[in-house]
C-alpha atoms as a PDB file:
ATOM      1  CA  UNK A   1      41.080 110.778  64.871  1.00  0.00           C
ATOM      2  CA  UNK A   2      41.782 107.409  66.440  1.00  0.00           C
ATOM      3  CA  UNK A   3      41.002 107.797  70.133  1.00  0.00           C
ATOM      4  CA  UNK A   4      43.215 105.682  72.384  1.00  0.00           C
ATOM      5  CA  UNK A   5      44.497 105.964  75.925  1.00  0.00           C
ATOM      6  CA  UNK A   6      47.705 107.423  74.516  1.00  0.00           C
ATOM      7  CA  UNK A   7      45.862 110.193  72.663  1.00  0.00           C
ATOM      8  CA  UNK A   8      46.938 113.327  74.540  1.00  0.00           C
ATOM      9  CA  UNK A   9      44.977 116.577  74.604  1.00  0.00           C
ATOM     10  CA  UNK A  10      45.990 119.854  76.252  1.00  0.00           C
ATOM     11  CA  UNK A  11      43.124 122.205  77.124  1.00  0.00           C
ATOM     12  CA  UNK A  12      43.927 125.681  78.395  1.00  0.00           C
ATOM     13  CA  UNK A  13      41.386 127.231  80.723  1.00  0.00           C
ATOM     14  CA  UNK A  14      40.081 123.788  81.668  1.00  0.00           C
ATOM     15  CA  UNK A  15      38.960 124.537  85.221  1.00  0.00           C
ATOM     16  CA  UNK A  16      35.849 126.592  84.522  1.00  0.00           C
ATOM     17  CA  UNK A  17      32.997 127.057  82.076  1.00  0.00           C
ATOM     18  CA  UNK A  18      33.487 125.845  78.517  1.00  0.00           C
ATOM     19  CA  UNK A  19      36.929 124.381  79.131  1.00  0.00           C
ATOM     20  CA  UNK A  20      35.786 122.327  82.100  1.00  0.00           C
ATOM     21  CA  UNK A  21      32.842 120.942  80.122  1.00  0.00           C
ATOM     22  CA  UNK A  22      35.076 120.023  77.163  1.00  0.00           C
ATOM     23  CA  UNK A  23      37.532 118.361  79.545  1.00  0.00           C
ATOM     24  CA  UNK A  24      34.781 116.357  81.212  1.00  0.00           C
ATOM     25  CA  UNK A  25      33.322 115.173  77.915  1.00  0.00           C
ATOM     26  CA  UNK A  26      36.687 114.180  76.442  1.00  0.00           C
ATOM     27  CA  UNK A  27      37.689 112.437  79.675  1.00  0.00           C
ATOM     28  CA  UNK A  28      34.801 110.030  79.178  1.00  0.00           C
ATOM     29  CA  UNK A  29      36.644 108.717  76.122  1.00  0.00           C
ATOM     30  CA  UNK A  30      39.544 107.499  78.248  1.00  0.00           C
ATOM     31  CA  UNK A  31      42.153 109.698  76.589  1.00  0.00           C
ATOM     32  CA  UNK A  32      45.052 111.395  78.372  1.00  0.00           C
ATOM     33  CA  UNK A  33      44.090 114.964  79.246  1.00  0.00           C
ATOM     34  CA  UNK A  34      46.319 117.815  80.348  1.00  0.00           C
ATOM     35  CA  UNK A  35      44.138 120.345  82.135  1.00  0.00           C
ATOM     36  CA  UNK A  36      45.520 123.861  82.452  1.00  0.00           C
ATOM     37  CA  UNK A  37      44.441 126.429  85.003  1.00  0.00           C
ATOM     38  CA  UNK A  38      45.895 129.281  87.041  1.00  0.00           C
ATOM     39  CA  UNK A  39      44.650 128.433  90.530  1.00  0.00           C
ATOM     40  CA  UNK A  40      46.306 125.251  91.907  1.00  0.00           C
ATOM     41  CA  UNK A  41      43.677 124.604  94.567  1.00  0.00           C
ATOM     42  CA  UNK A  42      40.811 124.991  92.115  1.00  0.00           C
ATOM     43  CA  UNK A  43      42.704 122.956  89.521  1.00  0.00           C
ATOM     44  CA  UNK A  44      43.148 120.011  91.848  1.00  0.00           C
ATOM     45  CA  UNK A  45      39.497 120.219  92.866  1.00  0.00           C
ATOM     46  CA  UNK A  46      38.249 120.268  89.264  1.00  0.00           C
ATOM     47  CA  UNK A  47      40.573 117.429  88.266  1.00  0.00           C
ATOM     48  CA  UNK A  48      39.323 115.304  91.170  1.00  0.00           C
ATOM     49  CA  UNK A  49      35.719 116.041  90.199  1.00  0.00           C
ATOM     50  CA  UNK A  50      36.234 115.083  86.555  1.00  0.00           C
ATOM     51  CA  UNK A  51      38.086 111.937  87.603  1.00  0.00           C
ATOM     52  CA  UNK A  52      35.250 110.931  89.914  1.00  0.00           C
ATOM     53  CA  UNK A  53      32.592 111.705  87.297  1.00  0.00           C
ATOM     54  CA  UNK A  54      34.280 109.905  84.395  1.00  0.00           C
ATOM     55  CA  UNK A  55      36.483 107.261  86.021  1.00  0.00           C
ATOM     56  CA  UNK A  56      39.404 108.478  83.901  1.00  0.00           C
ATOM     57  CA  UNK A  57      42.709 108.235  85.762  1.00  0.00           C
ATOM     58  CA  UNK A  58      44.715 109.710  82.876  1.00  0.00           C
ATOM     59  CA  UNK A  59      44.180 113.300  83.927  1.00  0.00           C
ATOM     60  CA  UNK A  60      46.947 115.756  84.785  1.00  0.00           C
ATOM     61  CA  UNK A  61      46.738 119.322  86.049  1.00  0.00           C
ATOM     62  CA  UNK A  62      49.188 121.992  84.827  1.00  0.00           C
ATOM     63  CA  UNK A  63      49.320 125.422  86.454  1.00  0.00           C
ATOM     64  CA  UNK A  64      50.278 128.638  84.665  1.00  0.00           C
ATOM     65  CA  UNK A  65      49.159 132.253  84.619  1.00  0.00           C
ATOM     66  CA  UNK A  66      48.862 133.087  80.922  1.00  0.00           C
ATOM     67  CA  UNK A  67      49.245 136.786  81.724  1.00  0.00           C
ATOM     68  CA  UNK A  68      52.956 136.005  82.075  1.00  0.00           C
ATOM     69  CA  UNK A  69      54.923 134.932  79.006  1.00  0.00           C
ATOM     70  CA  UNK A  70      57.520 133.342  81.282  1.00  0.00           C
ATOM     71  CA  UNK A  71      54.808 131.097  82.696  1.00  0.00           C
ATOM     72  CA  UNK A  72      53.648 130.274  79.177  1.00  0.00           C
ATOM     73  CA  UNK A  73      57.212 129.213  78.373  1.00  0.00           C
ATOM     74  CA  UNK A  74      57.332 127.109  81.525  1.00  0.00           C
ATOM     75  CA  UNK A  75      54.016 125.463  80.625  1.00  0.00           C
ATOM     76  CA  UNK A  76      55.275 124.603  77.150  1.00  0.00           C
ATOM     77  CA  UNK A  77      58.518 123.214  78.578  1.00  0.00           C
ATOM     78  CA  UNK A  78      56.584 121.110  81.093  1.00  0.00           C
ATOM     79  CA  UNK A  79      54.412 119.592  78.368  1.00  0.00           C
ATOM     80  CA  UNK A  80      57.294 119.040  75.948  1.00  0.00           C
ATOM     81  CA  UNK A  81      59.523 117.580  78.642  1.00  0.00           C
ATOM     82  CA  UNK A  82      57.009 115.170  80.135  1.00  0.00           C
ATOM     83  CA  UNK A  83      54.911 113.973  77.190  1.00  0.00           C
ATOM     84  CA  UNK A  84      55.944 111.777  74.270  1.00  0.00           C
ATOM     85  CA  UNK A  85      53.071 113.081  72.159  1.00  0.00           C
ATOM     86  CA  UNK A  86      50.488 115.844  71.856  1.00  0.00           C
ATOM     87  CA  UNK A  87      47.566 115.039  69.580  1.00  0.00           C
ATOM     88  CA  UNK A  88      45.397 118.096  70.198  1.00  0.00           C
ATOM     89  CA  UNK A  89      46.048 121.569  71.580  1.00  0.00           C
ATOM     90  CA  UNK A  90      42.856 123.449  72.471  1.00  0.00           C
ATOM     91  CA  UNK A  91      43.592 127.136  73.111  1.00  0.00           C
ATOM     92  CA  UNK A  92      40.488 127.922  75.120  1.00  0.00           C
ATOM     93  CA  UNK A  93      41.617 130.165  78.002  1.00  0.00           C
ATOM     94  CA  UNK A  94      40.626 133.783  77.705  1.00  0.00           C
ATOM     95  CA  UNK A  95      39.390 136.945  79.351  1.00  0.00           C
ATOM     96  CA  UNK A  96      36.247 138.880  78.528  1.00  0.00           C
ATOM     97  CA  UNK A  97      35.769 142.629  78.632  1.00  0.00           C
ATOM     98  CA  UNK A  98      35.929 142.568  82.428  1.00  0.00           C
ATOM     99  CA  UNK A  99      33.619 143.865  85.135  1.00  0.00           C
ATOM    100  CA  UNK A 100      34.994 147.403  84.558  1.00  0.00           C
ATOM    101  CA  UNK A 101      35.344 147.523  80.758  1.00  0.00           C
ATOM    102  CA  UNK A 102      36.527 151.152  80.740  1.00  0.00           C
ATOM    103  CA  UNK A 103      39.556 150.322  82.877  1.00  0.00           C
ATOM    104  CA  UNK A 104      42.656 149.302  80.932  1.00  0.00           C
ATOM    105  CA  UNK A 105      44.760 146.571  82.544  1.00  0.00           C
ATOM    106  CA  UNK A 106      48.178 145.216  81.628  1.00  0.00           C
ATOM    107  CA  UNK A 107      49.805 141.811  81.770  1.00  0.00           C
ATOM    108  CA  UNK A 108      52.928 140.916  83.731  1.00  0.00           C
ATOM    109  CA  UNK A 109      54.950 141.818  80.640  1.00  0.00           C
ATOM    110  CA  UNK A 110      53.245 145.186  80.157  1.00  0.00           C
ATOM    111  CA  UNK A 111      50.903 144.243  77.287  1.00  0.00           C
ATOM    112  CA  UNK A 112      47.228 145.140  77.277  1.00  0.00           C
ATOM    113  CA  UNK A 113      45.813 142.303  79.373  1.00  0.00           C
ATOM    114  CA  UNK A 114      43.254 140.837  76.979  1.00  0.00           C
ATOM    115  CA  UNK A 115      45.733 140.998  74.118  1.00  0.00           C
ATOM    116  CA  UNK A 116      48.301 139.249  76.299  1.00  0.00           C
ATOM    117  CA  UNK A 117      46.076 136.436  77.564  1.00  0.00           C
ATOM    118  CA  UNK A 118      43.720 135.884  74.622  1.00  0.00           C
ATOM    119  CA  UNK A 119      46.276 136.191  71.843  1.00  0.00           C
ATOM    120  CA  UNK A 120      49.962 136.447  72.772  1.00  0.00           C
ATOM    121  CA  UNK A 121      49.812 133.533  75.221  1.00  0.00           C
ATOM    122  CA  UNK A 122      48.329 131.064  72.687  1.00  0.00           C
ATOM    123  CA  UNK A 123      50.633 132.469  69.987  1.00  0.00           C
ATOM    124  CA  UNK A 124      53.689 131.644  72.107  1.00  0.00           C
ATOM    125  CA  UNK A 125      52.367 128.376  73.557  1.00  0.00           C
ATOM    126  CA  UNK A 126      51.401 127.033  70.143  1.00  0.00           C
ATOM    127  CA  UNK A 127      54.705 127.891  68.517  1.00  0.00           C
ATOM    128  CA  UNK A 128      56.689 126.372  71.369  1.00  0.00           C
ATOM    129  CA  UNK A 129      54.633 123.166  71.146  1.00  0.00           C
ATOM    130  CA  UNK A 130      54.846 122.873  67.347  1.00  0.00           C
ATOM    131  CA  UNK A 131      57.819 120.448  67.435  1.00  0.00           C
ATOM    132  CA  UNK A 132      55.829 118.050  69.636  1.00  0.00           C
ATOM    133  CA  UNK A 133      52.674 118.449  67.542  1.00  0.00           C
ATOM    134  CA  UNK A 134      54.637 117.798  64.333  1.00  0.00           C
ATOM    135  CA  UNK A 135      56.393 114.766  65.795  1.00  0.00           C
ATOM    136  CA  UNK A 136      53.018 113.367  66.868  1.00  0.00           C
ATOM    137  CA  UNK A 137      51.575 113.909  63.393  1.00  0.00           C
ATOM    138  CA  UNK A 138      54.523 112.056  61.850  1.00  0.00           C
ATOM    139  CA  UNK A 139      53.869 109.021  64.065  1.00  0.00           C
ATOM    140  CA  UNK A 140      50.085 109.075  64.474  1.00  0.00           C
ATOM    141  CA  UNK A 141      49.121 110.561  61.116  1.00  0.00           C
ATOM    142  CA  UNK A 142      47.688 113.826  62.409  1.00  0.00           C
ATOM    143  CA  UNK A 143      47.546 116.354  65.230  1.00  0.00           C
ATOM    144  CA  UNK A 144      45.287 119.348  65.663  1.00  0.00           C
ATOM    145  CA  UNK A 145      45.302 122.919  66.953  1.00  0.00           C
ATOM    146  CA  UNK A 146      41.874 124.290  67.880  1.00  0.00           C
ATOM    147  CA  UNK A 147      41.615 127.991  68.736  1.00  0.00           C
ATOM    148  CA  UNK A 148      38.489 129.128  70.561  1.00  0.00           C
ATOM    149  CA  UNK A 149      37.734 132.515  69.034  1.00  0.00           C
ATOM    150  CA  UNK A 150      34.500 134.485  68.883  1.00  0.00           C
ATOM    151  CA  UNK A 151      32.022 135.977  66.466  1.00  0.00           C
ATOM    152  CA  UNK A 152      32.829 139.275  68.192  1.00  0.00           C
ATOM    153  CA  UNK A 153      35.708 140.614  66.089  1.00  0.00           C
ATOM    154  CA  UNK A 154      37.265 144.044  65.582  1.00  0.00           C
ATOM    155  CA  UNK A 155      40.057 144.963  63.211  1.00  0.00           C
ATOM    156  CA  UNK A 156      43.463 145.742  64.695  1.00  0.00           C
ATOM    157  CA  UNK A 157      44.724 149.340  64.655  1.00  0.00           C
ATOM    158  CA  UNK A 158      48.440 148.775  64.152  1.00  0.00           C
ATOM    159  CA  UNK A 159      49.132 152.338  65.314  1.00  0.00           C
ATOM    160  CA  UNK A 160      47.566 151.559  68.715  1.00  0.00           C
ATOM    161  CA  UNK A 161      47.498 147.778  69.161  1.00  0.00           C
ATOM    162  CA  UNK A 162      47.661 148.066  72.952  1.00  0.00           C
ATOM    163  CA  UNK A 163      44.781 150.580  72.998  1.00  0.00           C
ATOM    164  CA  UNK A 164      46.747 153.162  74.954  1.00  0.00           C
ATOM    165  CA  UNK A 165      45.024 156.127  73.307  1.00  0.00           C
ATOM    166  CA  UNK A 166      41.447 154.896  73.437  1.00  0.00           C
ATOM    167  CA  UNK A 167      40.509 151.912  75.565  1.00  0.00           C
ATOM    168  CA  UNK A 168      37.347 149.857  75.653  1.00  0.00           C
ATOM    169  CA  UNK A 169      37.200 146.347  77.115  1.00  0.00           C
ATOM    170  CA  UNK A 170      34.909 144.979  74.433  1.00  0.00           C
ATOM    171  CA  UNK A 171      37.135 146.331  71.688  1.00  0.00           C
ATOM    172  CA  UNK A 172      40.164 144.816  73.436  1.00  0.00           C
ATOM    173  CA  UNK A 173      38.435 141.433  73.616  1.00  0.00           C
ATOM    174  CA  UNK A 174      37.187 141.572  70.023  1.00  0.00           C
ATOM    175  CA  UNK A 175      40.527 142.496  68.447  1.00  0.00           C
ATOM    176  CA  UNK A 176      42.300 139.784  70.449  1.00  0.00           C
ATOM    177  CA  UNK A 177      39.890 137.188  69.089  1.00  0.00           C
ATOM    178  CA  UNK A 178      40.391 138.381  65.510  1.00  0.00           C
ATOM    179  CA  UNK A 179      44.148 138.131  66.082  1.00  0.00           C
ATOM    180  CA  UNK A 180      43.646 134.519  67.200  1.00  0.00           C
ATOM    181  CA  UNK A 181      41.866 133.756  63.928  1.00  0.00           C
ATOM    182  CA  UNK A 182      44.691 135.435  61.995  1.00  0.00           C
ATOM    183  CA  UNK A 183      47.148 133.204  63.856  1.00  0.00           C
ATOM    184  CA  UNK A 184      45.041 130.203  62.821  1.00  0.00           C
ATOM    185  CA  UNK A 185      45.243 131.151  59.149  1.00  0.00           C
ATOM    186  CA  UNK A 186      49.002 131.679  59.409  1.00  0.00           C
ATOM    187  CA  UNK A 187      49.532 128.324  61.106  1.00  0.00           C
ATOM    188  CA  UNK A 188      47.404 126.550  58.517  1.00  0.00           C
ATOM    189  CA  UNK A 189      49.605 127.870  55.725  1.00  0.00           C
ATOM    190  CA  UNK A 190      52.821 127.112  57.591  1.00  0.00           C
ATOM    191  CA  UNK A 191      51.764 123.571  58.511  1.00  0.00           C
ATOM    192  CA  UNK A 192      50.135 122.505  55.241  1.00  0.00           C
ATOM    193  CA  UNK A 193      51.225 118.989  54.365  1.00  0.00           C
ATOM    194  CA  UNK A 194      52.704 118.199  57.794  1.00  0.00           C
ATOM    195  CA  UNK A 195      49.668 116.426  59.232  1.00  0.00           C
ATOM    196  CA  UNK A 196      49.153 119.236  61.755  1.00  0.00           C
ATOM    197  CA  UNK A 197      45.960 121.221  61.197  1.00  0.00           C
ATOM    198  CA  UNK A 198      44.773 124.512  62.667  1.00  0.00           C
ATOM    199  CA  UNK A 199      41.148 125.615  62.946  1.00  0.00           C
ATOM    200  CA  UNK A 200      39.269 128.279  64.901  1.00  0.00           C
ATOM    201  CA  UNK A 201      35.680 128.588  65.965  1.00  0.00           C
ATOM    202  CA  UNK A 202      32.980 130.608  67.623  1.00  0.00           C
ATOM    203  CA  UNK A 203      31.520 127.871  69.867  1.00  0.00           C
ATOM    204  CA  UNK A 204      28.198 129.502  70.818  1.00  0.00           C
ATOM    205  CA  UNK A 205      26.790 132.918  71.627  1.00  0.00           C
ATOM    206  CA  UNK A 206      26.537 134.123  75.224  1.00  0.00           C
ATOM    207  CA  UNK A 207      27.035 130.761  76.908  1.00  0.00           C
ATOM    208  CA  UNK A 208      26.286 130.330  80.603  1.00  0.00           C
ATOM    209  CA  UNK A 209      29.801 131.189  81.790  1.00  0.00           C
ATOM    210  CA  UNK A 210      31.216 133.556  84.376  1.00  0.00           C
ATOM    211  CA  UNK A 211      32.524 135.758  81.563  1.00  0.00           C
ATOM    212  CA  UNK A 212      29.071 136.169  79.995  1.00  0.00           C
ATOM    213  CA  UNK A 213      27.308 136.682  83.333  1.00  0.00           C
ATOM    214  CA  UNK A 214      29.853 139.389  84.154  1.00  0.00           C
ATOM    215  CA  UNK A 215      29.197 141.191  80.855  1.00  0.00           C
ATOM    216  CA  UNK A 216      25.588 140.640  79.958  1.00  0.00           C
ATOM    217  CA  UNK A 217      23.867 139.215  83.008  1.00  0.00           C
ATOM    218  CA  UNK A 218      21.666 136.643  81.318  1.00  0.00           C
ATOM    219  CA  UNK A 219      23.163 133.880  79.125  1.00  0.00           C
ATOM    220  CA  UNK A 220      21.415 132.716  75.958  1.00  0.00           C
ATOM    221  CA  UNK A 221      23.007 129.316  75.375  1.00  0.00           C
ATOM    222  CA  UNK A 222      24.665 126.585  77.394  1.00  0.00           C
ATOM    223  CA  UNK A 223      28.263 125.470  77.705  1.00  0.00           C
ATOM    224  CA  UNK A 224      27.055 122.064  76.528  1.00  0.00           C
ATOM    225  CA  UNK A 225      26.210 123.565  73.133  1.00  0.00           C
ATOM    226  CA  UNK A 226      29.554 125.296  72.803  1.00  0.00           C
ATOM    227  CA  UNK A 227      31.503 122.274  74.041  1.00  0.00           C
ATOM    228  CA  UNK A 228      29.964 120.057  71.395  1.00  0.00           C
ATOM    229  CA  UNK A 229      31.390 122.238  68.629  1.00  0.00           C
ATOM    230  CA  UNK A 230      34.845 122.442  70.196  1.00  0.00           C
ATOM    231  CA  UNK A 231      34.930 118.663  70.585  1.00  0.00           C
ATOM    232  CA  UNK A 232      34.008 118.118  66.941  1.00  0.00           C
ATOM    233  CA  UNK A 233      37.022 120.102  65.783  1.00  0.00           C
ATOM    234  CA  UNK A 234      39.239 118.409  68.344  1.00  0.00           C
ATOM    235  CA  UNK A 235      38.508 114.726  67.769  1.00  0.00           C
ATOM    236  CA  UNK A 236      35.922 114.109  65.048  1.00  0.00           C
ATOM    237  CA  UNK A 237      37.101 111.664  62.385  1.00  0.00           C
ATOM    238  CA  UNK A 238      34.907 113.470  59.848  1.00  0.00           C
ATOM    239  CA  UNK A 239      36.993 116.632  60.247  1.00  0.00           C
ATOM    240  CA  UNK A 240      40.364 114.976  59.799  1.00  0.00           C
ATOM    241  CA  UNK A 241      42.534 117.077  57.508  1.00  0.00           C
ATOM    242  CA  UNK A 242      40.360 120.189  57.760  1.00  0.00           C
ATOM    243  CA  UNK A 243      42.803 123.077  57.926  1.00  0.00           C
ATOM    244  CA  UNK A 244      42.679 126.872  58.008  1.00  0.00           C
ATOM    245  CA  UNK A 245      38.910 127.135  58.462  1.00  0.00           C
ATOM    246  CA  UNK A 246      36.981 129.353  60.855  1.00  0.00           C
ATOM    247  CA  UNK A 247      33.716 127.799  62.057  1.00  0.00           C
ATOM    248  CA  UNK A 248      30.689 129.583  63.413  1.00  0.00           C
ATOM    249  CA  UNK A 249      29.662 126.683  65.653  1.00  0.00           C
ATOM    250  CA  UNK A 250      29.750 123.776  63.173  1.00  0.00           C
ATOM    251  CA  UNK A 251      29.540 125.753  59.930  1.00  0.00           C
ATOM    252  CA  UNK A 252      32.498 127.165  57.982  1.00  0.00           C
ATOM    253  CA  UNK A 253      32.146 130.938  57.965  1.00  0.00           C
ATOM    254  CA  UNK A 254      33.947 134.161  57.051  1.00  0.00           C
ATOM    255  CA  UNK A 255      35.496 136.490  59.602  1.00  0.00           C
ATOM    256  CA  UNK A 256      36.312 140.193  59.664  1.00  0.00           C
ATOM    257  CA  UNK A 257      38.051 141.092  56.392  1.00  0.00           C
ATOM    258  CA  UNK A 258      41.372 142.083  57.935  1.00  0.00           C
ATOM    259  CA  UNK A 259      42.064 138.405  58.642  1.00  0.00           C
ATOM    260  CA  UNK A 260      42.307 137.719  54.898  1.00  0.00           C
ATOM    261  CA  UNK A 261      44.755 140.537  54.259  1.00  0.00           C
ATOM    262  CA  UNK A 262      48.229 139.035  53.917  1.00  0.00           C
ATOM    263  CA  UNK A 263      49.997 142.276  54.779  1.00  0.00           C
ATOM    264  CA  UNK A 264      48.014 142.643  58.012  1.00  0.00           C
ATOM    265  CA  UNK A 265      48.787 139.063  58.968  1.00  0.00           C
ATOM    266  CA  UNK A 266      52.467 139.640  58.200  1.00  0.00           C
ATOM    267  CA  UNK A 267      52.558 142.763  60.369  1.00  0.00           C
ATOM    268  CA  UNK A 268      50.826 140.936  63.200  1.00  0.00           C
ATOM    269  CA  UNK A 269      53.160 137.945  62.900  1.00  0.00           C
ATOM    270  CA  UNK A 270      56.305 140.098  62.923  1.00  0.00           C
ATOM    271  CA  UNK A 271      55.135 142.088  65.939  1.00  0.00           C
ATOM    272  CA  UNK A 272      54.146 138.919  67.798  1.00  0.00           C
ATOM    273  CA  UNK A 273      57.474 137.227  67.149  1.00  0.00           C
ATOM    274  CA  UNK A 274      59.256 140.285  68.505  1.00  0.00           C
ATOM    275  CA  UNK A 275      56.979 140.660  71.539  1.00  0.00           C
ATOM    276  CA  UNK A 276      57.384 136.994  72.508  1.00  0.00           C
ATOM    277  CA  UNK A 277      61.119 136.884  71.858  1.00  0.00           C
ATOM    278  CA  UNK A 278      60.803 134.353  69.047  1.00  0.00           C
ATOM    279  CA  UNK A 279      61.913 136.651  66.271  1.00  0.00           C
END
């Protein structure tokens, strides 16, 4: 990817942990960065810190609570209405199992919370931004969608997607991340030949983030390690044209088998279109 000042990258969940590190690293390249968060005060503080650290003045903060599909729609409209191009969309924001993993929570729209934030929000945001991503690819030669998934994956029970009968926070997290990979495979097929690519990755195991400390106590890797792998998929020239691949860090890898089942992906796609009002 040719990195210029006009190269525009949207990073969700950019005010903490992995997202903040990716934003800081990419800001050093002088590109235009759209940093998403859900706390305006924290967002402005993080943006100011990255600007001071990197000297990049082409940074913009966008606020939205991804637990609300209306706010996801507003975020997409704000990006589409204010930006002439979008070269990279990094769907990074997400929730872990939570500090009380036995307690089921719901989103503003009534969906299981991890499903809503980790999967439905990027599903809707990505599809609403596809016209801008495709227009950018037509002019610049390519654009990219990078979905931050996880090696923790559980198959989806289509009879109880929202886990109303039997809830466990880790299961909720794991099935939402598999769904994100299934979305990646769907997008790759849909966008083949357009110049827009879609990839997903597990950036690193048990990074030093608030999510990991909340779950496991002691991290095993750093956000620097995970950020490096996200950045490769986002801007590396060597990965231009790579489409529909799931990476375990920097190595192509297989995921849970349900992701390769076309009928399961179709069922997920049809449900998601209905839930988000797109179908």
